[in-house]
Amino acid sequence: MTQLKKHLNPATVLSCLALFVALSGAAYAAGVGKKSVKTRHLGNGAVTALKLHNGAVTTPKLRNLAVTNPKLGDAAVSATKIANGAVRSAALGGQVVTTGKLKNGGVTGEKLANNAVGTEKLTANAIATGKLQDGSVTAAKLASSFLAQLVRNVSYETKLSASNSDPKPAVTAECPSGKVAIGGGARVAGGATVAVTESAPTAPNGQGKRTGWTAAAAEMAPDGANWTVEAYVVCAEL
């Protein structure tokens, strides 16, 4: 014991203590098995960002709603980090997608729901002639009051009287079935002193429609020459 005391001094004692602590720590670390450190063994704030291996925190390790807005840095979620279809309508607040946030051509016909663009969403003069497809405006799309004012399938019919010296010939040009007269006239050919005495639509039929045009003429001074009178009528569907 006396010999041991000769070799003891503060430096020797401190060296021995340091060696003991180092060996104890190494022995303790060597004795920690895989998955031996549980969550309950970690103090608050013990696992910092610097202690996480790259790629250590994957999506399956994040619980639902774990990443909240306050945990995201400015511009942390860029367009390249959003999966296709990840942002649904239900996740967007009111007025989130404004006109300024839509790129040119971003809203195509395929992205519009049926009947999404109603009349109330169209500004004045929004539908110009150049934006109408050929044949897109059909009769079914016109107001009945407007359609009634239009003429369709216009045709031109004539009827000529016999060429003779009859002093007062008359002739009527008739419209095809389903059409009515919307105009007409008369003319004469031959004879020296002949005048048109009648040029008018025919009397209304049983449906109250005029379907022909009558023309008549007469000699002012009979000279025995042959001449004709012709009636013509402009017909259309109404």
Protein backbone atom coordinates (compact mmCIF):
# COMPACT_ATOMS: atom_id res chain seq x y z
CA MET A 1 0.00 0.00 0.00
CA THR A 2 2.88 2.28 0.88
CA GLN A 3 4.43 1.57 -2.51
CA LEU A 4 1.11 2.38 -4.25
CA LYS A 5 0.80 5.71 -2.46
CA LYS A 6 4.23 6.69 -3.77
CA HIS A 7 2.92 6.43 -7.32
CA LEU A 8 -0.41 8.23 -6.76
CA ASN A 9 -0.65 11.87 -7.67
CA PRO A 10 -3.42 14.07 -9.18
CA ALA A 11 -2.27 13.51 -12.75
CA THR A 12 -2.25 9.73 -12.35
CA VAL A 13 -5.69 9.70 -10.79
CA LEU A 14 -7.18 11.86 -13.54
CA SER A 15 -5.62 9.67 -16.22
CA CYS A 16 -7.10 6.55 -14.68
CA LEU A 17 -10.53 8.10 -14.43
CA ALA A 18 -10.42 9.20 -18.06
CA LEU A 19 -9.41 5.70 -19.16
CA PHE A 20 -12.22 4.17 -17.12
CA VAL A 21 -14.83 6.48 -18.60
CA ALA A 22 -13.61 5.87 -22.16
CA LEU A 23 -13.60 2.10 -21.73
CA SER A 24 -17.06 2.17 -20.12
CA GLY A 25 -18.54 4.23 -22.97
CA ALA A 26 -17.06 1.95 -25.61
CA ALA A 27 -18.33 -1.10 -23.76
CA TYR A 28 -21.81 0.45 -23.47
CA ALA A 29 -21.94 1.42 -27.15
CA ALA A 30 -20.79 -2.04 -28.17
CA GLY A 31 -23.57 -3.50 -26.08
CA VAL A 32 -26.40 -1.55 -27.82
CA GLY A 33 -28.11 -3.86 -30.29
CA LYS A 34 -29.95 -3.02 -33.54
CA LYS A 35 -33.27 -1.28 -32.85
CA SER A 36 -32.42 -1.16 -29.11
CA VAL A 37 -32.85 2.62 -28.99
CA LYS A 38 -36.59 3.19 -28.84
CA THR A 39 -38.53 6.43 -29.18
CA ARG A 40 -38.99 6.59 -25.42
CA HIS A 41 -35.18 6.61 -24.98
CA LEU A 42 -34.86 9.85 -26.96
CA GLY A 43 -35.23 13.18 -25.23
CA ASN A 44 -37.15 16.09 -26.73
CA GLY A 45 -35.11 17.63 -29.52
CA ALA A 46 -32.52 14.82 -29.42
CA VAL A 47 -32.88 13.96 -33.15
CA THR A 48 -31.96 17.07 -35.12
CA ALA A 49 -31.78 17.57 -38.88
CA LEU A 50 -27.99 17.16 -38.77
CA LYS A 51 -28.40 13.68 -37.24
CA LEU A 52 -30.68 12.43 -40.05
CA HIS A 53 -29.11 10.49 -42.91
CA ASN A 54 -29.91 11.67 -46.43
CA GLY A 55 -33.15 10.07 -47.49
CA ALA A 56 -33.82 8.74 -43.99
CA VAL A 57 -37.30 10.29 -43.73
CA THR A 58 -39.35 8.80 -46.56
CA THR A 59 -43.04 9.23 -47.34
CA PRO A 60 -44.14 6.00 -45.58
CA LYS A 61 -42.48 7.31 -42.37
CA LEU A 62 -44.64 10.43 -42.31
CA ARG A 63 -48.00 10.13 -40.62
CA ASN A 64 -51.06 11.76 -42.14
CA LEU A 65 -51.05 15.56 -41.82
CA ALA A 66 -47.53 15.46 -40.31
CA VAL A 67 -46.22 18.04 -42.77
CA THR A 68 -48.26 21.18 -42.14
CA ASN A 69 -47.94 24.62 -43.72
CA PRO A 70 -45.76 26.06 -40.91
CA LYS A 71 -43.23 23.25 -41.53
CA LEU A 72 -42.80 24.14 -45.21
CA GLY A 73 -40.29 26.75 -46.23
CA ASP A 74 -41.10 29.46 -48.74
CA ALA A 75 -41.38 27.97 -52.23
CA ALA A 76 -40.53 24.52 -50.81
CA VAL A 77 -43.29 22.82 -52.80
CA SER A 78 -42.58 23.61 -56.45
CA ALA A 79 -44.47 22.40 -59.49
CA THR A 80 -41.90 19.64 -60.10
CA LYS A 81 -42.55 18.20 -56.63
CA ILE A 82 -46.31 17.82 -57.16
CA ALA A 83 -47.49 14.54 -58.67
CA ASN A 84 -49.99 14.60 -61.52
CA GLY A 85 -53.47 14.84 -60.08
CA ALA A 86 -52.15 15.47 -56.55
CA VAL A 87 -53.99 18.77 -56.13
CA ARG A 88 -57.72 18.14 -56.37
CA SER A 89 -60.54 20.66 -56.47
CA ALA A 90 -61.46 19.87 -52.86
CA ALA A 91 -57.97 20.91 -51.74
CA LEU A 92 -58.22 24.35 -53.35
CA GLY A 93 -59.72 27.23 -51.44
CA GLY A 94 -62.08 29.76 -52.94
CA GLN A 95 -60.53 32.11 -55.51
CA VAL A 96 -57.23 30.15 -55.39
CA VAL A 97 -56.98 29.61 -59.14
CA THR A 98 -57.28 33.11 -60.57
CA THR A 99 -56.99 34.20 -64.18
CA GLY A 100 -53.41 35.36 -63.63
CA LYS A 101 -52.39 31.85 -62.51
CA LEU A 102 -53.62 30.15 -65.66
CA LYS A 103 -51.14 29.81 -68.49
CA ASN A 104 -52.25 30.58 -72.02
CA GLY A 105 -54.26 27.68 -73.36
CA GLY A 106 -54.40 26.08 -69.91
CA VAL A 107 -58.17 25.61 -69.95
CA THR A 108 -58.99 23.44 -72.94
CA GLY A 109 -62.32 22.02 -74.03
CA GLU A 110 -61.45 18.65 -72.48
CA LYS A 111 -61.01 20.29 -69.06
CA LEU A 112 -64.44 21.92 -69.08
CA ALA A 113 -67.38 20.03 -67.62
CA ASN A 114 -70.54 19.72 -69.67
CA ASN A 115 -72.53 22.95 -69.52
CA ALA A 116 -69.68 24.61 -67.56
CA VAL A 117 -69.75 27.74 -69.74
CA GLY A 118 -73.27 29.12 -69.46
CA THR A 119 -74.72 32.17 -71.16
CA GLU A 120 -74.16 34.28 -68.04
CA LYS A 121 -70.39 33.60 -68.26
CA LEU A 122 -70.06 35.00 -71.77
CA THR A 123 -69.27 38.66 -72.25
CA ALA A 124 -70.89 40.78 -74.90
CA ASN A 125 -69.65 39.93 -78.41
CA ALA A 126 -67.78 36.89 -77.04
CA ILE A 127 -69.13 34.63 -79.78
CA ALA A 128 -67.95 36.20 -83.02
CA THR A 129 -68.65 34.89 -86.51
CA GLY A 130 -65.13 33.49 -86.78
CA LYS A 131 -65.74 31.31 -83.70
CA LEU A 132 -68.79 29.56 -85.15
CA GLN A 133 -68.30 26.24 -86.86
CA ASP A 134 -69.84 25.85 -90.30
CA GLY A 135 -73.40 24.62 -89.96
CA SER A 136 -73.46 25.09 -86.18
CA VAL A 137 -76.42 27.51 -86.23
CA THR A 138 -79.39 25.36 -87.18
CA ALA A 139 -83.09 26.22 -87.36
CA ALA A 140 -83.63 24.45 -84.01
CA LYS A 141 -81.27 26.97 -82.35
CA LEU A 142 -83.15 30.01 -83.62
CA ALA A 143 -86.00 31.62 -81.73
CA SER A 144 -89.36 30.75 -83.28
CA SER A 145 -90.27 34.43 -83.59
CA PHE A 146 -87.06 35.09 -85.52
CA LEU A 147 -87.33 31.94 -87.58
CA ALA A 148 -90.80 32.97 -88.74
CA GLN A 149 -89.31 36.07 -90.35
CA LEU A 150 -86.79 34.12 -92.43
CA VAL A 151 -87.30 32.75 -95.92
CA ARG A 152 -85.84 29.41 -96.90
CA ASN A 153 -85.40 27.43 -100.10
CA VAL A 154 -86.22 30.32 -102.42
CA SER A 155 -87.20 29.39 -105.97
CA TYR A 156 -88.34 31.25 -109.09
CA GLU A 157 -91.31 30.07 -111.18
CA THR A 158 -92.77 31.45 -114.45
CA LYS A 159 -95.81 30.84 -116.64
CA LEU A 160 -96.19 32.10 -120.25
CA SER A 161 -99.49 32.60 -122.06
CA ALA A 162 -100.05 31.35 -125.59
CA SER A 163 -98.68 33.55 -128.39
CA ASN A 164 -101.72 34.81 -130.26
CA SER A 165 -103.84 37.91 -130.82
CA ASP A 166 -106.07 37.41 -127.78
CA PRO A 167 -106.86 41.00 -126.65
CA LYS A 168 -106.89 40.20 -122.89
CA PRO A 169 -104.82 37.14 -121.93
CA ALA A 170 -104.16 36.22 -118.29
CA VAL A 171 -101.82 33.63 -116.79
CA THR A 172 -100.87 32.46 -113.25
CA ALA A 173 -97.49 31.12 -112.11
CA GLU A 174 -97.85 28.69 -109.18
CA CYS A 175 -95.36 27.91 -106.39
CA PRO A 176 -94.28 24.32 -105.71
CA SER A 177 -96.10 22.48 -102.92
CA GLY A 178 -95.09 23.67 -99.45
CA LYS A 179 -94.03 27.13 -100.60
CA VAL A 180 -95.73 30.51 -100.67
CA ALA A 181 -95.38 33.55 -102.93
CA ILE A 182 -93.15 36.29 -101.50
CA GLY A 183 -92.97 38.36 -104.68
CA GLY A 184 -93.72 38.36 -108.37
CA GLY A 185 -94.36 40.37 -111.51
CA ALA A 186 -95.55 40.44 -115.14
CA ARG A 187 -94.21 41.31 -118.55
CA VAL A 188 -95.45 41.26 -122.15
CA ALA A 189 -93.73 40.47 -125.40
CA GLY A 190 -94.94 41.37 -128.91
CA GLY A 191 -97.81 43.59 -129.98
CA ALA A 192 -97.52 47.28 -130.64
CA THR A 193 -99.95 48.71 -128.05
CA VAL A 194 -100.14 46.25 -125.13
CA ALA A 195 -100.24 47.14 -121.42
CA VAL A 196 -100.13 45.08 -118.22
CA THR A 197 -103.49 45.28 -116.52
CA GLU A 198 -102.85 42.98 -113.53
CA SER A 199 -99.82 41.85 -111.54
CA ALA A 200 -100.69 40.49 -108.09
CA PRO A 201 -100.47 37.43 -105.85
CA THR A 202 -103.29 34.93 -106.01
CA ALA A 203 -106.07 34.92 -103.42
CA PRO A 204 -105.30 33.10 -100.13
CA ASN A 205 -105.91 29.35 -100.08
CA GLY A 206 -107.65 27.35 -97.33
CA GLN A 207 -104.63 27.87 -95.03
CA GLY A 208 -104.61 31.59 -95.66
CA LYS A 209 -101.48 31.42 -97.83
CA ARG A 210 -100.91 32.92 -101.26
CA THR A 211 -99.20 30.37 -103.48
CA GLY A 212 -99.03 32.01 -106.91
CA TRP A 213 -98.87 35.17 -108.99
CA THR A 214 -101.31 36.30 -111.69
CA ALA A 215 -100.46 38.52 -114.65
CA ALA A 216 -102.83 39.95 -117.29
CA ALA A 217 -102.51 42.39 -120.17
CA ALA A 218 -104.69 44.01 -122.80
CA GLU A 219 -104.32 45.62 -126.22
CA MET A 220 -104.83 49.35 -126.21
CA ALA A 221 -105.35 49.44 -129.99
CA PRO A 222 -105.96 46.03 -131.59
CA ASP A 223 -103.63 45.42 -134.54
CA GLY A 224 -104.05 41.66 -135.03
CA ALA A 225 -100.43 40.86 -134.10
CA ASN A 226 -99.53 37.91 -131.89
CA TRP A 227 -98.18 38.62 -128.40
CA THR A 228 -97.74 36.98 -124.96
CA VAL A 229 -97.94 37.84 -121.30
CA GLU A 230 -95.71 36.15 -118.73
CA ALA A 231 -96.21 35.86 -114.95
CA TYR A 232 -93.34 35.14 -112.61
CA VAL A 233 -93.40 34.41 -108.90
CA VAL A 234 -90.72 34.21 -106.21
CA CYS A 235 -91.48 31.33 -103.82
CA ALA A 236 -90.06 30.28 -100.47
CA GLU A 237 -90.69 28.17 -97.36
CA LEU A 238 -91.81 30.12 -94.31
